[in-house]
Amino acid sequence: MEKWQGKHFSITDPNGVRTVIYQVNKTEKEFLKDSPKYTVQRLDSTQEIVGNAQRKTFYIDNPSEYEDQLVILSFGKDRVVVNTALVQGNKISITKKPLPIKFNSLYSEKETEFKDFRYTPNLKRPICIIDPETTEEIKPMLYFDEKTNEVKGKCKLKPYKSYFAFEIRDKKEN
C-alpha cells in the first residue's frame, strides 16, 4: 500500500464559480541565471457536489518545511478573482481582499500564436495561459530555438475568445 505524503485543504465554490490554485516556487540560486525567479505548479484537486455548490479538495504534493505560497484564481462568468494564501504547518491563511492586478489584453479577430516564452529546465512555465470557460491551461507546443539555443513554446489562441494569463514577479520587476 502506498502512502501519500503532503497536505490538503478544501474550499467550496458557489454555483457558477470554478477555482484553481497554483503553488508558487522560488527558483534555487544556482539555477537563476537561466531560469525565471518564480515558477508555478497547478495543484491537483478532487471535487464533490454539495447542494448547489462544489467542494474542492486541493493537494500540495511536496510541501516545504516552513511555508508554501499559493495563488487562488476563482473564475466567474465574466471575471477572475485573484487571492493569495500561505500554508504554514497545518494552517492556511488566505488574503481577505483580492489583489489588484496589472494586466495586458490580447485580442485578435483571427487565430494567432502566443510564442517565444522561455521554459525552465524542468519545463515548468513562468507564465500560464488559462481558458476561463473551462479553467484548463492552454498547453504549448515546444520547439528548439537554434538562435538562442533554448527550448521555447507557443500556444494557439482562438479568435474572439478571452484568455487569462498570469506570471509571478517581484514588485520591483516590470
N, C-alpha and C. Protein backbone atom coordinates (compact mmCIF):
# COMPACT_ATOMS: atom_id res chain seq x y z
N MET A 1 0.84 -1.19 0.00
CA MET A 1 0.00 0.00 0.00
C MET A 1 0.88 1.25 0.00
N GLU A 2 0.59 2.17 -0.92
CA GLU A 2 1.35 3.42 -1.00
C GLU A 2 0.80 4.42 0.00
N LYS A 3 1.69 5.21 0.57
CA LYS A 3 1.27 6.26 1.49
C LYS A 3 1.54 7.60 0.84
N TRP A 4 0.54 8.46 0.84
CA TRP A 4 0.68 9.78 0.22
C TRP A 4 1.29 10.74 1.23
N GLN A 5 2.32 11.47 0.82
CA GLN A 5 2.97 12.46 1.66
C GLN A 5 2.61 13.84 1.13
N GLY A 6 2.03 14.68 1.95
CA GLY A 6 1.68 16.02 1.51
C GLY A 6 0.64 16.63 2.42
N LYS A 7 0.04 17.70 1.93
CA LYS A 7 -1.00 18.42 2.67
C LYS A 7 -2.21 18.56 1.77
N HIS A 8 -3.35 18.78 2.37
CA HIS A 8 -4.56 19.05 1.59
C HIS A 8 -5.47 19.97 2.37
N PHE A 9 -6.34 20.67 1.64
CA PHE A 9 -7.34 21.55 2.23
C PHE A 9 -8.49 21.65 1.27
N SER A 10 -9.65 22.07 1.77
CA SER A 10 -10.85 22.14 0.94
C SER A 10 -11.43 23.54 0.94
N ILE A 11 -12.07 23.88 -0.18
CA ILE A 11 -12.83 25.13 -0.31
C ILE A 11 -14.15 24.77 -0.98
N THR A 12 -15.12 25.66 -0.86
CA THR A 12 -16.42 25.44 -1.51
C THR A 12 -16.65 26.56 -2.51
N ASP A 13 -16.85 26.17 -3.77
CA ASP A 13 -17.15 27.12 -4.83
C ASP A 13 -18.66 27.29 -4.94
N PRO A 14 -19.16 28.53 -4.93
CA PRO A 14 -20.59 28.73 -5.18
C PRO A 14 -20.93 28.36 -6.62
N ASN A 15 -22.19 28.21 -6.90
CA ASN A 15 -22.65 27.87 -8.24
C ASN A 15 -22.15 28.91 -9.24
N GLY A 16 -21.57 28.46 -10.36
CA GLY A 16 -21.07 29.38 -11.40
C GLY A 16 -19.64 29.82 -11.21
N VAL A 17 -18.96 29.37 -10.15
CA VAL A 17 -17.57 29.74 -9.90
C VAL A 17 -16.72 28.47 -9.94
N ARG A 18 -15.55 28.58 -10.58
CA ARG A 18 -14.61 27.47 -10.65
C ARG A 18 -13.25 27.98 -10.18
N THR A 19 -12.70 27.34 -9.17
CA THR A 19 -11.44 27.78 -8.59
C THR A 19 -10.31 26.82 -8.94
N VAL A 20 -9.16 27.40 -9.30
CA VAL A 20 -7.93 26.64 -9.48
C VAL A 20 -6.87 27.29 -8.61
N ILE A 21 -5.93 26.49 -8.15
CA ILE A 21 -4.90 27.00 -7.24
C ILE A 21 -3.53 26.56 -7.74
N TYR A 22 -2.58 27.49 -7.66
CA TYR A 22 -1.20 27.24 -8.06
C TYR A 22 -0.28 27.44 -6.86
N GLN A 23 0.72 26.58 -6.76
CA GLN A 23 1.77 26.73 -5.77
C GLN A 23 2.89 27.54 -6.42
N VAL A 24 3.39 28.55 -5.71
CA VAL A 24 4.47 29.39 -6.20
C VAL A 24 5.79 28.82 -5.71
N ASN A 25 6.70 28.56 -6.64
CA ASN A 25 8.01 28.00 -6.29
C ASN A 25 9.09 29.01 -6.64
N LYS A 26 9.98 29.26 -5.69
CA LYS A 26 11.11 30.16 -5.94
C LYS A 26 12.26 29.32 -6.47
N THR A 27 12.85 29.77 -7.56
CA THR A 27 13.95 29.04 -8.19
C THR A 27 15.19 29.13 -7.32
N GLU A 28 15.87 28.00 -7.19
CA GLU A 28 17.08 27.96 -6.38
C GLU A 28 18.17 28.81 -7.03
N LYS A 29 19.03 29.40 -6.17
CA LYS A 29 20.04 30.35 -6.61
C LYS A 29 20.90 29.85 -7.77
N GLU A 30 21.31 28.59 -7.72
CA GLU A 30 22.22 28.09 -8.75
C GLU A 30 21.57 27.97 -10.12
N PHE A 31 20.23 28.02 -10.20
CA PHE A 31 19.54 27.92 -11.49
C PHE A 31 18.99 29.26 -11.98
N LEU A 32 19.17 30.34 -11.21
CA LEU A 32 18.57 31.64 -11.54
C LEU A 32 19.07 32.24 -12.86
N LYS A 33 20.31 31.97 -13.23
CA LYS A 33 20.86 32.59 -14.44
C LYS A 33 20.04 32.24 -15.68
N ASP A 34 19.61 30.99 -15.80
CA ASP A 34 18.90 30.55 -16.99
C ASP A 34 17.41 30.29 -16.76
N SER A 35 16.90 30.70 -15.62
CA SER A 35 15.51 30.39 -15.28
C SER A 35 14.81 31.61 -14.71
N PRO A 36 13.48 31.61 -14.75
CA PRO A 36 12.75 32.71 -14.10
C PRO A 36 12.88 32.59 -12.58
N LYS A 37 12.71 33.70 -11.88
CA LYS A 37 12.85 33.70 -10.42
C LYS A 37 11.77 32.84 -9.76
N TYR A 38 10.57 32.83 -10.35
CA TYR A 38 9.46 32.05 -9.80
C TYR A 38 8.83 31.19 -10.89
N THR A 39 8.37 30.01 -10.50
CA THR A 39 7.55 29.19 -11.36
C THR A 39 6.29 28.83 -10.59
N VAL A 40 5.29 28.37 -11.29
CA VAL A 40 4.04 27.97 -10.63
C VAL A 40 3.70 26.54 -11.03
N GLN A 41 3.06 25.86 -10.12
CA GLN A 41 2.63 24.49 -10.36
C GLN A 41 1.18 24.36 -9.91
N ARG A 42 0.33 23.93 -10.83
CA ARG A 42 -1.09 23.80 -10.52
C ARG A 42 -1.30 22.63 -9.56
N LEU A 43 -2.11 22.88 -8.52
CA LEU A 43 -2.40 21.83 -7.55
C LEU A 43 -3.46 20.88 -8.10
N ASP A 44 -3.26 19.60 -7.88
CA ASP A 44 -4.28 18.61 -8.22
C ASP A 44 -5.45 18.79 -7.26
N SER A 45 -6.65 18.43 -7.72
CA SER A 45 -7.82 18.56 -6.86
C SER A 45 -8.83 17.47 -7.16
N THR A 46 -9.68 17.23 -6.19
CA THR A 46 -10.85 16.37 -6.37
C THR A 46 -12.06 17.21 -6.01
N GLN A 47 -13.24 16.82 -6.49
CA GLN A 47 -14.42 17.62 -6.19
C GLN A 47 -15.63 16.74 -5.91
N GLU A 48 -16.53 17.31 -5.11
CA GLU A 48 -17.80 16.66 -4.83
C GLU A 48 -18.88 17.74 -4.79
N ILE A 49 -20.09 17.37 -5.18
CA ILE A 49 -21.20 18.33 -5.21
C ILE A 49 -21.86 18.34 -3.83
N VAL A 50 -22.05 19.56 -3.31
CA VAL A 50 -22.70 19.75 -2.01
C VAL A 50 -23.82 20.77 -2.23
N GLY A 51 -25.05 20.30 -2.40
CA GLY A 51 -26.17 21.20 -2.71
C GLY A 51 -25.95 21.84 -4.06
N ASN A 52 -25.98 23.19 -4.10
CA ASN A 52 -25.74 23.95 -5.34
C ASN A 52 -24.28 24.34 -5.52
N ALA A 53 -23.43 23.87 -4.64
CA ALA A 53 -22.02 24.26 -4.68
C ALA A 53 -21.14 23.04 -4.92
N GLN A 54 -19.86 23.32 -5.20
CA GLN A 54 -18.87 22.26 -5.36
C GLN A 54 -17.81 22.41 -4.28
N ARG A 55 -17.56 21.33 -3.59
CA ARG A 55 -16.49 21.31 -2.58
C ARG A 55 -15.27 20.70 -3.26
N LYS A 56 -14.17 21.47 -3.28
CA LYS A 56 -12.94 21.00 -3.91
C LYS A 56 -11.88 20.81 -2.84
N THR A 57 -11.17 19.70 -2.95
CA THR A 57 -10.04 19.44 -2.07
C THR A 57 -8.78 19.53 -2.92
N PHE A 58 -7.85 20.38 -2.50
CA PHE A 58 -6.60 20.62 -3.21
C PHE A 58 -5.46 19.94 -2.46
N TYR A 59 -4.49 19.45 -3.22
CA TYR A 59 -3.38 18.67 -2.66
C TYR A 59 -2.04 19.32 -2.98
N ILE A 60 -1.25 19.54 -1.93
CA ILE A 60 0.12 20.03 -2.08
C ILE A 60 1.01 18.80 -1.93
N ASP A 61 1.56 18.33 -3.05
CA ASP A 61 2.33 17.09 -3.05
C ASP A 61 3.66 17.19 -2.32
N ASN A 62 4.36 18.29 -2.53
CA ASN A 62 5.69 18.44 -1.92
C ASN A 62 5.74 19.72 -1.08
N PRO A 63 5.09 19.71 0.09
CA PRO A 63 5.10 20.94 0.90
C PRO A 63 6.48 21.22 1.46
N SER A 64 6.78 22.50 1.62
CA SER A 64 8.06 22.87 2.22
C SER A 64 7.94 22.74 3.74
N GLU A 65 9.07 22.79 4.40
CA GLU A 65 9.08 22.67 5.86
C GLU A 65 8.50 23.91 6.52
N TYR A 66 8.65 25.07 5.89
CA TYR A 66 8.29 26.33 6.55
C TYR A 66 6.96 26.89 6.05
N GLU A 67 6.90 27.26 4.78
CA GLU A 67 5.65 27.81 4.24
C GLU A 67 5.59 27.61 2.74
N ASP A 68 4.37 27.52 2.25
CA ASP A 68 4.11 27.41 0.82
C ASP A 68 3.22 28.57 0.42
N GLN A 69 3.57 29.26 -0.66
CA GLN A 69 2.76 30.36 -1.17
C GLN A 69 1.85 29.84 -2.27
N LEU A 70 0.60 30.30 -2.24
CA LEU A 70 -0.38 29.86 -3.22
C LEU A 70 -1.03 31.06 -3.90
N VAL A 71 -1.43 30.87 -5.15
CA VAL A 71 -2.24 31.84 -5.89
C VAL A 71 -3.57 31.15 -6.16
N ILE A 72 -4.66 31.80 -5.74
CA ILE A 72 -6.00 31.24 -5.89
C ILE A 72 -6.74 32.04 -6.95
N LEU A 73 -7.16 31.36 -8.02
CA LEU A 73 -7.87 32.00 -9.12
C LEU A 73 -9.30 31.46 -9.14
N SER A 74 -10.27 32.35 -8.94
CA SER A 74 -11.68 31.96 -8.96
C SER A 74 -12.33 32.57 -10.19
N PHE A 75 -12.71 31.70 -11.13
CA PHE A 75 -13.28 32.12 -12.40
C PHE A 75 -14.80 32.18 -12.30
N GLY A 76 -15.36 33.37 -12.53
CA GLY A 76 -16.80 33.55 -12.58
C GLY A 76 -17.23 33.75 -14.02
N LYS A 77 -18.46 34.21 -14.19
CA LYS A 77 -19.00 34.36 -15.55
C LYS A 77 -18.18 35.33 -16.40
N ASP A 78 -17.84 36.48 -15.84
CA ASP A 78 -17.14 37.49 -16.64
C ASP A 78 -15.95 38.12 -15.92
N ARG A 79 -15.42 37.43 -14.93
CA ARG A 79 -14.26 37.98 -14.22
C ARG A 79 -13.48 36.88 -13.52
N VAL A 80 -12.28 37.25 -13.10
CA VAL A 80 -11.42 36.36 -12.34
C VAL A 80 -11.05 37.08 -11.04
N VAL A 81 -11.25 36.42 -9.92
CA VAL A 81 -10.86 36.98 -8.63
C VAL A 81 -9.57 36.28 -8.22
N VAL A 82 -8.56 37.09 -7.87
CA VAL A 82 -7.24 36.57 -7.53
C VAL A 82 -6.98 36.81 -6.04
N ASN A 83 -6.67 35.74 -5.34
CA ASN A 83 -6.28 35.82 -3.93
C ASN A 83 -4.95 35.10 -3.76
N THR A 84 -4.30 35.35 -2.65
CA THR A 84 -3.08 34.62 -2.31
C THR A 84 -3.28 33.95 -0.95
N ALA A 85 -2.44 32.97 -0.68
CA ALA A 85 -2.53 32.26 0.59
C ALA A 85 -1.15 31.78 0.99
N LEU A 86 -0.98 31.57 2.30
CA LEU A 86 0.23 30.96 2.86
C LEU A 86 -0.19 29.71 3.61
N VAL A 87 0.53 28.63 3.38
CA VAL A 87 0.31 27.40 4.13
C VAL A 87 1.51 27.23 5.04
N GLN A 88 1.26 27.26 6.35
CA GLN A 88 2.33 27.11 7.34
C GLN A 88 1.89 26.00 8.29
N GLY A 89 2.63 24.91 8.27
CA GLY A 89 2.24 23.76 9.10
C GLY A 89 0.86 23.28 8.68
N ASN A 90 -0.05 23.21 9.63
CA ASN A 90 -1.42 22.78 9.33
C ASN A 90 -2.39 23.96 9.21
N LYS A 91 -1.85 25.17 9.05
CA LYS A 91 -2.67 26.38 8.98
C LYS A 91 -2.57 27.00 7.59
N ILE A 92 -3.72 27.43 7.06
CA ILE A 92 -3.74 28.15 5.79
C ILE A 92 -4.32 29.54 6.03
N SER A 93 -3.61 30.57 5.57
CA SER A 93 -4.06 31.96 5.72
C SER A 93 -4.32 32.52 4.32
N ILE A 94 -5.56 32.91 4.06
CA ILE A 94 -5.95 33.44 2.76
C ILE A 94 -6.20 34.93 2.90
N THR A 95 -5.76 35.72 1.92
CA THR A 95 -5.98 37.16 1.97
C THR A 95 -7.47 37.47 2.06
N LYS A 96 -7.80 38.52 2.81
CA LYS A 96 -9.21 38.90 2.98
C LYS A 96 -9.75 39.65 1.77
N LYS A 97 -8.87 40.40 1.11
CA LYS A 97 -9.28 41.16 -0.06
C LYS A 97 -8.51 40.66 -1.28
N PRO A 98 -9.19 40.50 -2.41
CA PRO A 98 -8.48 40.10 -3.63
C PRO A 98 -7.41 41.12 -4.00
N LEU A 99 -6.39 40.65 -4.71
CA LEU A 99 -5.29 41.51 -5.13
C LEU A 99 -5.65 42.36 -6.33
N PRO A 100 -5.17 43.60 -6.35
CA PRO A 100 -5.28 44.36 -7.59
C PRO A 100 -4.27 43.78 -8.57
N ILE A 101 -4.65 43.67 -9.82
CA ILE A 101 -3.81 43.02 -10.81
C ILE A 101 -3.48 43.99 -11.94
N LYS A 102 -2.22 44.02 -12.32
CA LYS A 102 -1.80 44.76 -13.50
C LYS A 102 -1.86 43.78 -14.66
N PHE A 103 -2.53 44.14 -15.75
CA PHE A 103 -2.64 43.19 -16.84
C PHE A 103 -2.66 43.88 -18.19
N ASN A 104 -2.37 43.08 -19.20
CA ASN A 104 -2.47 43.50 -20.59
C ASN A 104 -3.48 42.59 -21.27
N SER A 105 -4.14 43.09 -22.28
CA SER A 105 -5.12 42.29 -23.01
C SER A 105 -4.54 41.83 -24.33
N LEU A 106 -4.90 40.61 -24.70
CA LEU A 106 -4.57 40.09 -26.03
C LEU A 106 -5.90 39.88 -26.74
N TYR A 107 -6.06 40.48 -27.89
CA TYR A 107 -7.31 40.31 -28.63
C TYR A 107 -6.98 40.19 -30.10
N SER A 108 -7.65 39.28 -30.75
CA SER A 108 -7.42 39.11 -32.17
C SER A 108 -8.70 38.60 -32.83
N GLU A 109 -8.91 39.01 -34.06
CA GLU A 109 -10.07 38.53 -34.80
C GLU A 109 -9.70 37.37 -35.71
N LYS A 110 -8.46 36.91 -35.60
CA LYS A 110 -8.05 35.73 -36.35
C LYS A 110 -7.21 34.85 -35.42
N GLU A 111 -7.09 33.57 -35.79
CA GLU A 111 -6.31 32.66 -34.97
C GLU A 111 -4.88 33.16 -34.91
N THR A 112 -4.30 33.11 -33.75
CA THR A 112 -2.96 33.65 -33.57
C THR A 112 -2.16 32.73 -32.67
N GLU A 113 -0.87 32.96 -32.61
CA GLU A 113 0.01 32.20 -31.74
C GLU A 113 0.66 33.16 -30.76
N PHE A 114 0.69 32.76 -29.50
CA PHE A 114 1.44 33.47 -28.48
C PHE A 114 2.70 32.65 -28.32
N LYS A 115 3.86 33.21 -28.65
CA LYS A 115 5.05 32.37 -28.69
C LYS A 115 6.26 33.04 -28.06
N ASP A 116 7.32 32.26 -28.06
CA ASP A 116 8.62 32.69 -27.60
C ASP A 116 8.68 33.02 -26.11
N PHE A 117 7.93 32.28 -25.31
CA PHE A 117 8.14 32.42 -23.88
C PHE A 117 9.09 31.34 -23.43
N ARG A 118 9.96 31.66 -22.48
CA ARG A 118 11.02 30.75 -22.06
C ARG A 118 10.49 29.67 -21.14
N TYR A 119 11.19 28.56 -21.13
CA TYR A 119 10.86 27.44 -20.25
C TYR A 119 12.02 27.21 -19.29
N THR A 120 11.69 26.72 -18.12
CA THR A 120 12.72 26.35 -17.16
C THR A 120 13.22 24.96 -17.53
N PRO A 121 14.35 24.53 -16.98
CA PRO A 121 14.88 23.21 -17.34
C PRO A 121 13.90 22.05 -17.08
N ASN A 122 13.02 22.19 -16.09
CA ASN A 122 12.07 21.11 -15.80
C ASN A 122 10.75 21.33 -16.54
N LEU A 123 10.73 22.23 -17.51
CA LEU A 123 9.58 22.53 -18.37
C LEU A 123 8.40 23.14 -17.62
N LYS A 124 8.62 23.72 -16.45
CA LYS A 124 7.56 24.46 -15.77
C LYS A 124 7.63 25.89 -16.27
N ARG A 125 6.51 26.42 -16.71
CA ARG A 125 6.49 27.75 -17.30
C ARG A 125 6.41 28.83 -16.23
N PRO A 126 7.04 29.98 -16.47
CA PRO A 126 6.82 31.11 -15.58
C PRO A 126 5.50 31.80 -15.90
N ILE A 127 4.90 31.52 -17.07
CA ILE A 127 3.64 32.14 -17.46
C ILE A 127 2.63 31.04 -17.73
N CYS A 128 1.39 31.29 -17.31
CA CYS A 128 0.31 30.33 -17.55
C CYS A 128 -0.80 31.04 -18.32
N ILE A 129 -1.34 30.37 -19.34
CA ILE A 129 -2.47 30.88 -20.10
C ILE A 129 -3.63 29.93 -19.85
N ILE A 130 -4.76 30.48 -19.39
CA ILE A 130 -5.91 29.66 -18.98
C ILE A 130 -7.14 30.06 -19.76
N ASP A 131 -7.90 29.06 -20.19
CA ASP A 131 -9.20 29.28 -20.81
C ASP A 131 -10.20 29.48 -19.67
N PRO A 132 -10.76 30.68 -19.50
CA PRO A 132 -11.64 30.94 -18.35
C PRO A 132 -12.94 30.14 -18.38
N GLU A 133 -13.36 29.67 -19.54
CA GLU A 133 -14.59 28.89 -19.62
C GLU A 133 -14.42 27.49 -19.05
N THR A 134 -13.26 26.89 -19.28
CA THR A 134 -13.01 25.52 -18.81
C THR A 134 -12.04 25.46 -17.64
N THR A 135 -11.33 26.54 -17.36
CA THR A 135 -10.24 26.66 -16.38
C THR A 135 -9.06 25.74 -16.70
N GLU A 136 -8.98 25.26 -17.92
CA GLU A 136 -7.86 24.42 -18.33
C GLU A 136 -6.75 25.30 -18.89
N GLU A 137 -5.50 24.88 -18.65
CA GLU A 137 -4.36 25.58 -19.21
C GLU A 137 -4.28 25.30 -20.70
N ILE A 138 -3.85 26.30 -21.44
CA ILE A 138 -3.59 26.12 -22.86
C ILE A 138 -2.20 25.51 -22.96
N LYS A 139 -2.14 24.30 -23.41
CA LYS A 139 -0.86 23.58 -23.47
C LYS A 139 -0.05 24.04 -24.67
N PRO A 140 1.21 24.33 -24.46
CA PRO A 140 2.06 24.81 -25.56
C PRO A 140 2.66 23.68 -26.37
N MET A 141 3.07 24.04 -27.56
CA MET A 141 3.88 23.15 -28.39
C MET A 141 5.32 23.60 -28.17
N LEU A 142 6.18 22.68 -27.81
CA LEU A 142 7.59 23.00 -27.56
C LEU A 142 8.37 22.97 -28.86
N TYR A 143 9.36 23.83 -28.95
CA TYR A 143 10.28 23.81 -30.08
C TYR A 143 11.63 24.31 -29.62
N PHE A 144 12.66 23.97 -30.36
CA PHE A 144 14.01 24.40 -30.02
C PHE A 144 14.40 25.58 -30.89
N ASP A 145 14.72 26.71 -30.25
CA ASP A 145 15.14 27.90 -30.96
C ASP A 145 16.66 27.84 -31.12
N GLU A 146 17.11 27.59 -32.34
CA GLU A 146 18.55 27.43 -32.59
C GLU A 146 19.33 28.74 -32.42
N LYS A 147 18.67 29.87 -32.64
CA LYS A 147 19.35 31.16 -32.49
C LYS A 147 19.74 31.42 -31.04
N THR A 148 18.83 31.12 -30.12
CA THR A 148 19.10 31.39 -28.71
C THR A 148 19.53 30.14 -27.95
N ASN A 149 19.48 28.97 -28.62
CA ASN A 149 19.86 27.71 -28.01
C ASN A 149 18.99 27.39 -26.78
N GLU A 150 17.66 27.64 -26.91
CA GLU A 150 16.74 27.42 -25.80
C GLU A 150 15.52 26.64 -26.27
N VAL A 151 14.91 25.94 -25.33
CA VAL A 151 13.61 25.33 -25.58
C VAL A 151 12.57 26.41 -25.30
N LYS A 152 11.67 26.63 -26.27
CA LYS A 152 10.63 27.63 -26.13
C LYS A 152 9.30 27.00 -26.43
N GLY A 153 8.24 27.75 -26.24
CA GLY A 153 6.92 27.22 -26.50
C GLY A 153 6.04 28.23 -27.20
N LYS A 154 4.98 27.72 -27.84
CA LYS A 154 3.99 28.61 -28.44
C LYS A 154 2.62 27.98 -28.25
N CYS A 155 1.63 28.84 -28.01
CA CYS A 155 0.26 28.40 -27.79
C CYS A 155 -0.62 28.98 -28.88
N LYS A 156 -1.54 28.20 -29.39
CA LYS A 156 -2.50 28.69 -30.38
C LYS A 156 -3.71 29.24 -29.63
N LEU A 157 -4.07 30.48 -29.93
CA LEU A 157 -5.22 31.14 -29.31
C LEU A 157 -6.30 31.32 -30.35
N LYS A 158 -7.53 31.05 -29.95
CA LYS A 158 -8.67 31.15 -30.88
C LYS A 158 -9.14 32.59 -30.99
N PRO A 159 -9.67 32.98 -32.16
CA PRO A 159 -10.16 34.35 -32.33
C PRO A 159 -11.44 34.58 -31.53
N TYR A 160 -11.71 35.83 -31.18
CA TYR A 160 -12.93 36.26 -30.48
C TYR A 160 -13.12 35.57 -29.13
N LYS A 161 -12.06 35.19 -28.48
CA LYS A 161 -12.13 34.46 -27.23
C LYS A 161 -11.23 35.12 -26.21
N SER A 162 -11.68 35.14 -24.97
CA SER A 162 -10.88 35.68 -23.88
C SER A 162 -10.01 34.59 -23.26
N TYR A 163 -8.84 34.99 -22.79
CA TYR A 163 -7.94 34.10 -22.07
C TYR A 163 -7.42 34.85 -20.86
N PHE A 164 -7.05 34.10 -19.84
CA PHE A 164 -6.44 34.69 -18.65
C PHE A 164 -5.01 34.19 -18.59
N ALA A 165 -4.05 35.10 -18.53
CA ALA A 165 -2.63 34.75 -18.43
C ALA A 165 -2.04 35.42 -17.21
N PHE A 166 -1.16 34.69 -16.52
CA PHE A 166 -0.51 35.31 -15.37
C PHE A 166 0.92 34.79 -15.23
N GLU A 167 1.69 35.61 -14.53
CA GLU A 167 3.10 35.32 -14.27
C GLU A 167 3.42 35.90 -12.91
N ILE A 168 4.23 35.23 -12.13
CA ILE A 168 4.62 35.71 -10.81
C ILE A 168 5.94 36.46 -10.95
N ARG A 169 5.96 37.69 -10.43
CA ARG A 169 7.16 38.52 -10.45
C ARG A 169 7.30 39.24 -9.13
N ASP A 170 8.51 39.74 -8.86
CA ASP A 170 8.72 40.61 -7.71
C ASP A 170 8.14 41.99 -8.04
N LYS A 171 7.79 42.72 -7.02
CA LYS A 171 7.20 44.05 -7.19
C LYS A 171 8.10 44.99 -7.99
N LYS A 172 9.41 44.89 -7.79
CA LYS A 172 10.35 45.81 -8.45
C LYS A 172 10.56 45.50 -9.92
N GLU A 173 10.18 44.28 -10.39
CA GLU A 173 10.33 43.95 -11.80
C GLU A 173 9.22 44.60 -12.61
N ASN A 174 9.47 44.87 -13.88
CA ASN A 174 8.45 45.47 -14.75
C ASN A 174 7.44 44.44 -15.18
